[in-house]
């Protein structure tokens, strides 16, 4: 792929570099909206979060409830990057700040969906919950 290819991100309302990771992110997020009913307006891409004293990171995407509480933290990798325990650890570190009850990790081929309850117990799911299942 040429280094100057771009795609339009409807979530950020701007053109971005069409990197392999960005292509996975865009495909996945469009699926959340089109197949699972998530409101486009409640998905923040490259949301900036504080992960320590004076340290900020950008998580790939966060889905918010209608009252703007974090619902789902999403972490994406390029297709050739495996979803490993290290990737889950990275998302979990981000989520210590975000406090989203759901984590989704995807590289376009592999996907991990996890629910974190109030006692911080993680349950792995075999599907993406539809928006209507989470917030009637």
C-alpha atoms as a PDB file:
ATOM      1  CA  UNK A   1       0.000   0.000   0.000  1.00  0.00           C
ATOM      2  CA  UNK A   2       1.268   3.444  -0.847  1.00  0.00           C
ATOM      3  CA  UNK A   3       2.063   5.542   2.200  1.00  0.00           C
ATOM      4  CA  UNK A   4      -0.127   8.422   1.084  1.00  0.00           C
ATOM      5  CA  UNK A   5      -3.480   6.616   0.831  1.00  0.00           C
ATOM      6  CA  UNK A   6      -6.200   8.061   3.010  1.00  0.00           C
ATOM      7  CA  UNK A   7      -9.703   7.251   4.113  1.00  0.00           C
ATOM      8  CA  UNK A   8     -12.415   9.428   5.559  1.00  0.00           C
ATOM      9  CA  UNK A   9     -13.149   8.839   9.258  1.00  0.00           C
ATOM     10  CA  UNK A  10     -16.811   9.649   9.881  1.00  0.00           C
ATOM     11  CA  UNK A  11     -16.182   9.570  13.626  1.00  0.00           C
ATOM     12  CA  UNK A  12     -13.436  12.224  13.576  1.00  0.00           C
ATOM     13  CA  UNK A  13     -14.879  13.977  10.515  1.00  0.00           C
ATOM     14  CA  UNK A  14     -11.538  14.113   8.751  1.00  0.00           C
ATOM     15  CA  UNK A  15      -9.258  12.305   6.338  1.00  0.00           C
ATOM     16  CA  UNK A  16      -6.691  10.008   7.979  1.00  0.00           C
ATOM     17  CA  UNK A  17      -3.836   7.829   6.777  1.00  0.00           C
ATOM     18  CA  UNK A  18      -5.109   4.424   5.641  1.00  0.00           C
ATOM     19  CA  UNK A  19      -2.690   2.409   7.779  1.00  0.00           C
ATOM     20  CA  UNK A  20      -3.422  -1.297   8.309  1.00  0.00           C
ATOM     21  CA  UNK A  21      -4.545  -0.596  11.888  1.00  0.00           C
ATOM     22  CA  UNK A  22      -6.766   2.286  10.755  1.00  0.00           C
ATOM     23  CA  UNK A  23      -8.432   0.060   8.167  1.00  0.00           C
ATOM     24  CA  UNK A  24      -9.251  -2.502  10.872  1.00  0.00           C
ATOM     25  CA  UNK A  25     -10.563   0.257  13.148  1.00  0.00           C
ATOM     26  CA  UNK A  26     -12.788   1.811  10.495  1.00  0.00           C
ATOM     27  CA  UNK A  27     -14.202  -1.530   9.357  1.00  0.00           C
ATOM     28  CA  UNK A  28     -14.934  -2.597  12.939  1.00  0.00           C
ATOM     29  CA  UNK A  29     -16.518   0.701  13.984  1.00  0.00           C
ATOM     30  CA  UNK A  30     -18.711   0.830  10.884  1.00  0.00           C
ATOM     31  CA  UNK A  31     -19.872  -2.679  11.816  1.00  0.00           C
ATOM     32  CA  UNK A  32     -20.753  -1.534  15.338  1.00  0.00           C
ATOM     33  CA  UNK A  33     -22.950   1.191  13.861  1.00  0.00           C
ATOM     34  CA  UNK A  34     -24.461  -0.703  10.927  1.00  0.00           C
ATOM     35  CA  UNK A  35     -24.814  -4.235  12.332  1.00  0.00           C
ATOM     36  CA  UNK A  36     -25.081  -3.742  16.077  1.00  0.00           C
ATOM     37  CA  UNK A  37     -26.953  -0.432  16.291  1.00  0.00           C
ATOM     38  CA  UNK A  38     -24.377   1.640  18.153  1.00  0.00           C
ATOM     39  CA  UNK A  39     -24.950   5.404  17.692  1.00  0.00           C
ATOM     40  CA  UNK A  40     -22.137   6.917  15.637  1.00  0.00           C
ATOM     41  CA  UNK A  41     -22.308  10.079  17.754  1.00  0.00           C
ATOM     42  CA  UNK A  42     -21.391   8.125  20.911  1.00  0.00           C
ATOM     43  CA  UNK A  43     -18.156   6.643  19.528  1.00  0.00           C
ATOM     44  CA  UNK A  44     -14.977   8.611  20.234  1.00  0.00           C
ATOM     45  CA  UNK A  45     -11.899   7.683  18.185  1.00  0.00           C
ATOM     46  CA  UNK A  46      -8.424   8.213  19.642  1.00  0.00           C
ATOM     47  CA  UNK A  47      -9.896   9.320  22.946  1.00  0.00           C
ATOM     48  CA  UNK A  48      -7.218  10.875  25.142  1.00  0.00           C
ATOM     49  CA  UNK A  49      -6.967   9.389  28.619  1.00  0.00           C
ATOM     50  CA  UNK A  50      -4.707   9.895  31.628  1.00  0.00           C
ATOM     51  CA  UNK A  51      -2.878   6.706  32.628  1.00  0.00           C
ATOM     52  CA  UNK A  52      -0.630   8.098  35.327  1.00  0.00           C
ATOM     53  CA  UNK A  53       0.651  11.306  36.850  1.00  0.00           C
ATOM     54  CA  UNK A  54       1.116  13.590  33.879  1.00  0.00           C
ATOM     55  CA  UNK A  55       0.979  10.684  31.389  1.00  0.00           C
ATOM     56  CA  UNK A  56      -1.667  10.631  28.689  1.00  0.00           C
ATOM     57  CA  UNK A  57      -2.340   8.022  26.036  1.00  0.00           C
ATOM     58  CA  UNK A  58      -4.821   7.713  23.240  1.00  0.00           C
ATOM     59  CA  UNK A  59      -7.025   4.657  23.223  1.00  0.00           C
ATOM     60  CA  UNK A  60      -8.260   3.565  19.819  1.00  0.00           C
ATOM     61  CA  UNK A  61     -11.960   4.097  20.533  1.00  0.00           C
ATOM     62  CA  UNK A  62     -14.433   4.456  23.369  1.00  0.00           C
ATOM     63  CA  UNK A  63     -18.184   3.931  23.125  1.00  0.00           C
ATOM     64  CA  UNK A  64     -20.230   6.040  25.544  1.00  0.00           C
ATOM     65  CA  UNK A  65     -23.745   5.655  26.949  1.00  0.00           C
ATOM     66  CA  UNK A  66     -26.359   8.296  26.182  1.00  0.00           C
ATOM     67  CA  UNK A  67     -25.391   9.906  29.515  1.00  0.00           C
ATOM     68  CA  UNK A  68     -21.750   9.970  28.315  1.00  0.00           C
ATOM     69  CA  UNK A  69     -20.485   7.276  30.674  1.00  0.00           C
ATOM     70  CA  UNK A  70     -17.816   4.996  29.152  1.00  0.00           C
ATOM     71  CA  UNK A  71     -19.424   1.741  28.017  1.00  0.00           C
ATOM     72  CA  UNK A  72     -16.811   0.048  25.870  1.00  0.00           C
ATOM     73  CA  UNK A  73     -13.087   0.486  25.329  1.00  0.00           C
ATOM     74  CA  UNK A  74     -11.820  -0.772  21.965  1.00  0.00           C
ATOM     75  CA  UNK A  75      -8.240  -1.539  20.998  1.00  0.00           C
ATOM     76  CA  UNK A  76      -7.278  -2.344  17.402  1.00  0.00           C
ATOM     77  CA  UNK A  77      -4.221  -3.845  15.797  1.00  0.00           C
ATOM     78  CA  UNK A  78      -3.252  -4.415  12.183  1.00  0.00           C
ATOM     79  CA  UNK A  79      -4.256  -7.837  10.795  1.00  0.00           C
ATOM     80  CA  UNK A  80      -0.700  -9.155  11.038  1.00  0.00           C
ATOM     81  CA  UNK A  81      -0.465  -8.286  14.775  1.00  0.00           C
ATOM     82  CA  UNK A  82      -1.823 -11.076  16.959  1.00  0.00           C
ATOM     83  CA  UNK A  83      -4.234 -10.361  19.798  1.00  0.00           C
ATOM     84  CA  UNK A  84      -2.092 -11.562  22.695  1.00  0.00           C
ATOM     85  CA  UNK A  85      -2.270 -11.259  26.495  1.00  0.00           C
ATOM     86  CA  UNK A  86      -0.029  -8.170  26.128  1.00  0.00           C
ATOM     87  CA  UNK A  87      -2.691  -6.473  24.008  1.00  0.00           C
ATOM     88  CA  UNK A  88      -5.300  -7.327  26.637  1.00  0.00           C
ATOM     89  CA  UNK A  89      -2.973  -5.925  29.323  1.00  0.00           C
ATOM     90  CA  UNK A  90      -2.605  -2.675  27.333  1.00  0.00           C
ATOM     91  CA  UNK A  91      -6.382  -2.289  27.112  1.00  0.00           C
ATOM     92  CA  UNK A  92      -6.774  -3.171  30.798  1.00  0.00           C
ATOM     93  CA  UNK A  93      -4.268  -0.455  31.774  1.00  0.00           C
ATOM     94  CA  UNK A  94      -6.218   2.079  29.713  1.00  0.00           C
ATOM     95  CA  UNK A  95      -9.416   0.867  31.322  1.00  0.00           C
ATOM     96  CA  UNK A  96      -8.145   1.581  34.843  1.00  0.00           C
ATOM     97  CA  UNK A  97      -8.805   5.213  33.879  1.00  0.00           C
ATOM     98  CA  UNK A  98     -11.793   4.798  31.553  1.00  0.00           C
ATOM     99  CA  UNK A  99     -13.751   2.283  33.718  1.00  0.00           C
ATOM    100  CA  UNK A 100     -15.718   0.859  30.787  1.00  0.00           C
ATOM    101  CA  UNK A 101     -17.589  -2.365  31.585  1.00  0.00           C
ATOM    102  CA  UNK A 102     -16.704  -3.840  28.173  1.00  0.00           C
ATOM    103  CA  UNK A 103     -13.386  -4.308  26.365  1.00  0.00           C
ATOM    104  CA  UNK A 104     -13.079  -5.335  22.738  1.00  0.00           C
ATOM    105  CA  UNK A 105      -9.782  -6.130  21.043  1.00  0.00           C
ATOM    106  CA  UNK A 106      -9.591  -6.856  17.321  1.00  0.00           C
ATOM    107  CA  UNK A 107      -7.142  -7.164  14.464  1.00  0.00           C
ATOM    108  CA  UNK A 108      -9.865  -7.856  11.900  1.00  0.00           C
ATOM    109  CA  UNK A 109      -9.283 -11.614  12.094  1.00  0.00           C
ATOM    110  CA  UNK A 110      -9.174 -12.248  15.842  1.00  0.00           C
ATOM    111  CA  UNK A 111     -11.483 -10.662  18.384  1.00  0.00           C
ATOM    112  CA  UNK A 112     -11.684 -10.716  22.160  1.00  0.00           C
ATOM    113  CA  UNK A 113     -14.810  -9.401  23.887  1.00  0.00           C
ATOM    114  CA  UNK A 114     -14.727  -9.084  27.663  1.00  0.00           C
ATOM    115  CA  UNK A 115     -17.177  -7.845  30.271  1.00  0.00           C
ATOM    116  CA  UNK A 116     -15.850  -6.472  33.559  1.00  0.00           C
ATOM    117  CA  UNK A 117     -18.328  -6.473  36.420  1.00  0.00           C
ATOM    118  CA  UNK A 118     -18.429  -4.228  39.479  1.00  0.00           C
ATOM    119  CA  UNK A 119     -16.079  -6.574  41.366  1.00  0.00           C
ATOM    120  CA  UNK A 120     -13.595  -6.336  38.434  1.00  0.00           C
ATOM    121  CA  UNK A 121     -14.267  -9.957  37.438  1.00  0.00           C
ATOM    122  CA  UNK A 122     -13.647 -10.484  33.724  1.00  0.00           C
ATOM    123  CA  UNK A 123     -16.002 -12.663  31.694  1.00  0.00           C
ATOM    124  CA  UNK A 124     -15.086 -13.392  28.093  1.00  0.00           C
ATOM    125  CA  UNK A 125     -17.975 -13.324  25.620  1.00  0.00           C
ATOM    126  CA  UNK A 126     -18.203 -15.051  22.256  1.00  0.00           C
ATOM    127  CA  UNK A 127     -20.079 -12.189  20.589  1.00  0.00           C
ATOM    128  CA  UNK A 128     -20.424  -8.415  20.470  1.00  0.00           C
ATOM    129  CA  UNK A 129     -23.493  -7.329  22.432  1.00  0.00           C
ATOM    130  CA  UNK A 130     -25.933  -5.261  20.391  1.00  0.00           C
ATOM    131  CA  UNK A 131     -26.551  -1.693  21.570  1.00  0.00           C
ATOM    132  CA  UNK A 132     -30.182  -2.641  22.352  1.00  0.00           C
ATOM    133  CA  UNK A 133     -28.996  -5.468  24.643  1.00  0.00           C
ATOM    134  CA  UNK A 134     -26.849  -3.104  26.682  1.00  0.00           C
ATOM    135  CA  UNK A 135     -29.040  -0.020  26.809  1.00  0.00           C
ATOM    136  CA  UNK A 136     -32.725  -0.625  26.162  1.00  0.00           C
END
